[in-house]
Amino acid sequence: MAQKLTSEARKAALTKLTHWSEASGRDAITRKFTFKDFKEAFAFMTAVAEVAEKMNHHPEWFNVYKTVEVTLSTHDAGGLSELDVKLAEAMDRLAG
């Protein structure tokens, strides 16, 4: 089972994840991805879905046209965990 990150590990993770920020009012991180169009946004979501399935760790996300808003938190851990950091890094790579 994933463990919630310590405050030191959280700070280090947010330093690495430059486009991510702490979600307001909860122990999570968030990022907005903007693409050229809906097709590109949907392709990104499809690619992320493959990674998320392999990790058995799924994002909270919201899509409107070319924008994908993501929030990551590990419910079993009660907040941000290393799984969230790894999925965020994968999303950053996939977004280019």
N, C-alpha and C. Protein backbone atom coordinates (compact mmCIF):
# COMPACT_ATOMS: atom_id res chain seq x y z
N MET A 1 0.83 -1.19 0.00
CA MET A 1 0.00 0.00 0.00
C MET A 1 0.88 1.25 0.00
N ALA A 2 0.49 2.23 -0.75
CA ALA A 2 1.25 3.48 -0.85
C ALA A 2 1.19 4.25 0.46
N GLN A 3 2.28 4.94 0.74
CA GLN A 3 2.38 5.76 1.96
C GLN A 3 2.30 7.23 1.60
N LYS A 4 1.63 8.00 2.42
CA LYS A 4 1.54 9.44 2.24
C LYS A 4 2.95 10.04 2.36
N LEU A 5 3.26 10.99 1.50
CA LEU A 5 4.58 11.62 1.51
C LEU A 5 4.77 12.47 2.78
N THR A 6 6.00 12.47 3.28
CA THR A 6 6.34 13.36 4.39
C THR A 6 6.40 14.79 3.84
N SER A 7 6.43 15.76 4.71
CA SER A 7 6.48 17.16 4.25
C SER A 7 7.76 17.42 3.46
N GLU A 8 8.87 16.79 3.85
CA GLU A 8 10.13 16.96 3.13
C GLU A 8 10.05 16.35 1.73
N ALA A 9 9.46 15.16 1.64
CA ALA A 9 9.32 14.49 0.35
C ALA A 9 8.35 15.27 -0.56
N ARG A 10 7.32 15.85 0.03
CA ARG A 10 6.37 16.67 -0.72
C ARG A 10 7.08 17.88 -1.33
N LYS A 11 7.87 18.57 -0.53
CA LYS A 11 8.61 19.74 -1.02
C LYS A 11 9.54 19.35 -2.16
N ALA A 12 10.24 18.24 -2.00
CA ALA A 12 11.17 17.77 -3.04
C ALA A 12 10.40 17.42 -4.31
N ALA A 13 9.26 16.79 -4.18
CA ALA A 13 8.46 16.42 -5.34
C ALA A 13 7.97 17.66 -6.08
N LEU A 14 7.49 18.65 -5.35
CA LEU A 14 6.99 19.86 -6.00
C LEU A 14 8.11 20.67 -6.64
N THR A 15 9.31 20.52 -6.15
CA THR A 15 10.46 21.17 -6.78
C THR A 15 10.74 20.53 -8.14
N LYS A 16 10.61 19.20 -8.22
CA LYS A 16 10.81 18.48 -9.49
C LYS A 16 9.66 18.71 -10.46
N LEU A 17 8.45 18.78 -9.94
CA LEU A 17 7.25 18.90 -10.78
C LEU A 17 6.90 20.38 -10.95
N THR A 18 7.67 21.05 -11.79
CA THR A 18 7.58 22.51 -11.88
C THR A 18 6.24 23.03 -12.36
N HIS A 19 5.49 22.27 -13.13
CA HIS A 19 4.21 22.74 -13.65
C HIS A 19 3.02 22.34 -12.78
N TRP A 20 3.30 21.64 -11.70
CA TRP A 20 2.25 21.17 -10.80
C TRP A 20 2.22 22.07 -9.57
N SER A 21 1.06 22.16 -8.94
CA SER A 21 0.94 22.93 -7.70
C SER A 21 0.05 22.17 -6.72
N GLU A 22 0.08 22.61 -5.47
CA GLU A 22 -0.76 21.98 -4.46
C GLU A 22 -2.22 22.35 -4.73
N ALA A 23 -3.08 21.37 -4.62
CA ALA A 23 -4.52 21.60 -4.81
C ALA A 23 -5.07 22.31 -3.59
N SER A 24 -5.93 23.25 -3.82
CA SER A 24 -6.53 24.02 -2.74
C SER A 24 -7.48 23.15 -1.91
N GLY A 25 -7.27 23.15 -0.61
CA GLY A 25 -8.18 22.48 0.29
C GLY A 25 -8.06 20.99 0.41
N ARG A 26 -7.01 20.43 -0.18
CA ARG A 26 -6.83 18.97 -0.05
C ARG A 26 -5.37 18.57 -0.24
N ASP A 27 -5.05 17.36 0.16
CA ASP A 27 -3.68 16.86 0.06
C ASP A 27 -3.51 16.22 -1.32
N ALA A 28 -3.27 17.07 -2.31
CA ALA A 28 -3.20 16.62 -3.70
C ALA A 28 -2.41 17.65 -4.50
N ILE A 29 -2.04 17.25 -5.73
CA ILE A 29 -1.40 18.18 -6.66
C ILE A 29 -2.28 18.30 -7.90
N THR A 30 -2.12 19.41 -8.59
CA THR A 30 -2.97 19.67 -9.74
C THR A 30 -2.17 20.34 -10.86
N ARG A 31 -2.65 20.14 -12.08
CA ARG A 31 -2.04 20.77 -13.24
C ARG A 31 -3.08 20.87 -14.35
N LYS A 32 -2.99 21.94 -15.13
CA LYS A 32 -3.83 22.11 -16.31
C LYS A 32 -2.94 21.95 -17.54
N PHE A 33 -3.33 21.03 -18.42
CA PHE A 33 -2.64 20.81 -19.69
C PHE A 33 -3.49 21.43 -20.80
N THR A 34 -2.86 22.16 -21.69
CA THR A 34 -3.58 22.75 -22.82
C THR A 34 -2.92 22.26 -24.11
N PHE A 35 -3.74 21.76 -25.01
CA PHE A 35 -3.26 21.19 -26.26
C PHE A 35 -3.75 21.99 -27.46
N LYS A 36 -3.32 21.59 -28.63
CA LYS A 36 -3.68 22.28 -29.87
C LYS A 36 -5.18 22.21 -30.14
N ASP A 37 -5.77 21.04 -29.86
CA ASP A 37 -7.19 20.84 -30.14
C ASP A 37 -7.69 19.64 -29.33
N PHE A 38 -8.97 19.31 -29.50
CA PHE A 38 -9.58 18.21 -28.76
C PHE A 38 -8.92 16.88 -29.07
N LYS A 39 -8.60 16.65 -30.32
CA LYS A 39 -8.00 15.37 -30.72
C LYS A 39 -6.68 15.15 -29.99
N GLU A 40 -5.86 16.19 -29.89
CA GLU A 40 -4.58 16.07 -29.19
C GLU A 40 -4.80 15.85 -27.68
N ALA A 41 -5.77 16.55 -27.12
CA ALA A 41 -6.08 16.37 -25.69
C ALA A 41 -6.56 14.94 -25.42
N PHE A 42 -7.41 14.43 -26.30
CA PHE A 42 -7.94 13.08 -26.12
C PHE A 42 -6.84 12.03 -26.30
N ALA A 43 -5.94 12.25 -27.23
CA ALA A 43 -4.82 11.33 -27.43
C ALA A 43 -3.95 11.29 -26.17
N PHE A 44 -3.72 12.45 -25.56
CA PHE A 44 -2.97 12.51 -24.31
C PHE A 44 -3.68 11.69 -23.22
N MET A 45 -4.99 11.89 -23.09
CA MET A 45 -5.73 11.17 -22.07
C MET A 45 -5.69 9.65 -22.31
N THR A 46 -5.74 9.24 -23.57
CA THR A 46 -5.66 7.82 -23.90
C THR A 46 -4.30 7.25 -23.51
N ALA A 47 -3.24 7.99 -23.81
CA ALA A 47 -1.89 7.54 -23.45
C ALA A 47 -1.73 7.46 -21.93
N VAL A 48 -2.24 8.45 -21.23
CA VAL A 48 -2.17 8.45 -19.76
C VAL A 48 -2.97 7.28 -19.20
N ALA A 49 -4.11 6.99 -19.79
CA ALA A 49 -4.94 5.88 -19.32
C ALA A 49 -4.17 4.56 -19.36
N GLU A 50 -3.37 4.36 -20.39
CA GLU A 50 -2.56 3.14 -20.49
C GLU A 50 -1.55 3.06 -19.34
N VAL A 51 -0.88 4.16 -19.05
CA VAL A 51 0.10 4.21 -17.96
C VAL A 51 -0.61 4.00 -16.62
N ALA A 52 -1.72 4.69 -16.44
CA ALA A 52 -2.46 4.60 -15.17
C ALA A 52 -2.94 3.18 -14.90
N GLU A 53 -3.40 2.50 -15.94
CA GLU A 53 -3.84 1.11 -15.78
C GLU A 53 -2.69 0.22 -15.33
N LYS A 54 -1.52 0.40 -15.96
CA LYS A 54 -0.35 -0.41 -15.57
C LYS A 54 0.05 -0.14 -14.13
N MET A 55 -0.10 1.11 -13.69
CA MET A 55 0.25 1.48 -12.32
C MET A 55 -0.86 1.13 -11.33
N ASN A 56 -2.06 0.85 -11.85
CA ASN A 56 -3.25 0.69 -11.02
C ASN A 56 -3.45 1.93 -10.14
N HIS A 57 -3.25 3.09 -10.77
CA HIS A 57 -3.38 4.37 -10.07
C HIS A 57 -3.99 5.35 -11.06
N HIS A 58 -5.18 5.82 -10.76
CA HIS A 58 -5.96 6.56 -11.75
C HIS A 58 -6.16 8.02 -11.37
N PRO A 59 -6.03 8.92 -12.33
CA PRO A 59 -6.16 10.35 -12.04
C PRO A 59 -7.62 10.79 -11.93
N GLU A 60 -7.80 11.88 -11.23
CA GLU A 60 -9.06 12.62 -11.32
C GLU A 60 -8.81 13.64 -12.42
N TRP A 61 -9.67 13.67 -13.42
CA TRP A 61 -9.44 14.65 -14.48
C TRP A 61 -10.74 15.13 -15.09
N PHE A 62 -10.61 16.27 -15.75
CA PHE A 62 -11.74 16.95 -16.35
C PHE A 62 -11.27 17.49 -17.69
N ASN A 63 -12.04 17.22 -18.73
CA ASN A 63 -11.64 17.63 -20.08
C ASN A 63 -12.74 18.48 -20.71
N VAL A 64 -12.34 19.62 -21.24
CA VAL A 64 -13.21 20.44 -22.08
C VAL A 64 -12.37 20.86 -23.28
N TYR A 65 -12.80 20.47 -24.45
CA TYR A 65 -12.16 20.77 -25.71
C TYR A 65 -10.66 20.46 -25.65
N LYS A 66 -9.80 21.46 -25.61
CA LYS A 66 -8.35 21.22 -25.69
C LYS A 66 -7.65 21.28 -24.33
N THR A 67 -8.44 21.35 -23.25
CA THR A 67 -7.87 21.47 -21.91
C THR A 67 -8.17 20.23 -21.08
N VAL A 68 -7.14 19.76 -20.37
CA VAL A 68 -7.29 18.64 -19.45
C VAL A 68 -6.79 19.11 -18.09
N GLU A 69 -7.67 19.14 -17.10
CA GLU A 69 -7.30 19.51 -15.74
C GLU A 69 -7.19 18.23 -14.91
N VAL A 70 -6.05 18.08 -14.23
CA VAL A 70 -5.75 16.85 -13.51
C VAL A 70 -5.52 17.14 -12.03
N THR A 71 -6.04 16.27 -11.18
CA THR A 71 -5.73 16.29 -9.75
C THR A 71 -5.27 14.89 -9.37
N LEU A 72 -4.16 14.83 -8.65
CA LEU A 72 -3.61 13.54 -8.23
C LEU A 72 -3.52 13.47 -6.71
N SER A 73 -4.02 12.39 -6.16
CA SER A 73 -3.95 12.09 -4.73
C SER A 73 -4.18 10.59 -4.59
N THR A 74 -3.60 10.00 -3.58
CA THR A 74 -3.78 8.57 -3.35
C THR A 74 -4.77 8.38 -2.22
N HIS A 75 -5.97 8.00 -2.56
CA HIS A 75 -7.03 7.89 -1.56
C HIS A 75 -6.69 6.89 -0.46
N ASP A 76 -6.09 5.76 -0.83
CA ASP A 76 -5.73 4.74 0.17
C ASP A 76 -4.70 5.26 1.17
N ALA A 77 -3.85 6.20 0.74
CA ALA A 77 -2.82 6.75 1.62
C ALA A 77 -3.32 7.99 2.36
N GLY A 78 -4.46 8.50 1.97
CA GLY A 78 -4.98 9.70 2.62
C GLY A 78 -4.33 10.99 2.16
N GLY A 79 -3.74 10.96 0.96
CA GLY A 79 -3.11 12.16 0.43
C GLY A 79 -2.07 11.84 -0.62
N LEU A 80 -1.18 12.77 -0.83
CA LEU A 80 -0.16 12.66 -1.87
C LEU A 80 0.84 11.55 -1.55
N SER A 81 1.12 10.71 -2.56
CA SER A 81 2.08 9.62 -2.39
C SER A 81 3.05 9.60 -3.57
N GLU A 82 4.01 8.70 -3.49
CA GLU A 82 4.98 8.54 -4.57
C GLU A 82 4.28 8.11 -5.86
N LEU A 83 3.18 7.39 -5.77
CA LEU A 83 2.42 7.01 -6.97
C LEU A 83 1.97 8.26 -7.74
N ASP A 84 1.54 9.27 -7.01
CA ASP A 84 1.10 10.51 -7.65
C ASP A 84 2.26 11.21 -8.35
N VAL A 85 3.40 11.21 -7.70
CA VAL A 85 4.60 11.83 -8.28
C VAL A 85 4.99 11.10 -9.56
N LYS A 86 4.99 9.78 -9.53
CA LYS A 86 5.35 9.00 -10.72
C LYS A 86 4.35 9.21 -11.85
N LEU A 87 3.07 9.26 -11.53
CA LEU A 87 2.07 9.49 -12.57
C LEU A 87 2.19 10.91 -13.13
N ALA A 88 2.45 11.89 -12.28
CA ALA A 88 2.65 13.27 -12.74
C ALA A 88 3.85 13.35 -13.68
N GLU A 89 4.94 12.68 -13.33
CA GLU A 89 6.12 12.68 -14.19
C GLU A 89 5.80 12.04 -15.54
N ALA A 90 5.06 10.95 -15.53
CA ALA A 90 4.66 10.29 -16.78
C ALA A 90 3.78 11.21 -17.62
N MET A 91 2.85 11.90 -16.99
CA MET A 91 1.99 12.84 -17.71
C MET A 91 2.80 13.97 -18.32
N ASP A 92 3.77 14.48 -17.59
CA ASP A 92 4.63 15.54 -18.14
C ASP A 92 5.37 15.05 -19.39
N ARG A 93 5.89 13.83 -19.32
CA ARG A 93 6.61 13.27 -20.48
C ARG A 93 5.66 13.11 -21.68
N LEU A 94 4.47 12.59 -21.42
CA LEU A 94 3.51 12.36 -22.49
C LEU A 94 2.99 13.65 -23.12
N ALA A 95 2.94 14.70 -22.31
CA ALA A 95 2.46 16.00 -22.83
C ALA A 95 3.52 16.69 -23.68
N GLY A 96 4.77 16.24 -23.52
CA GLY A 96 5.86 16.80 -24.33
C GLY A 96 6.48 18.01 -23.81
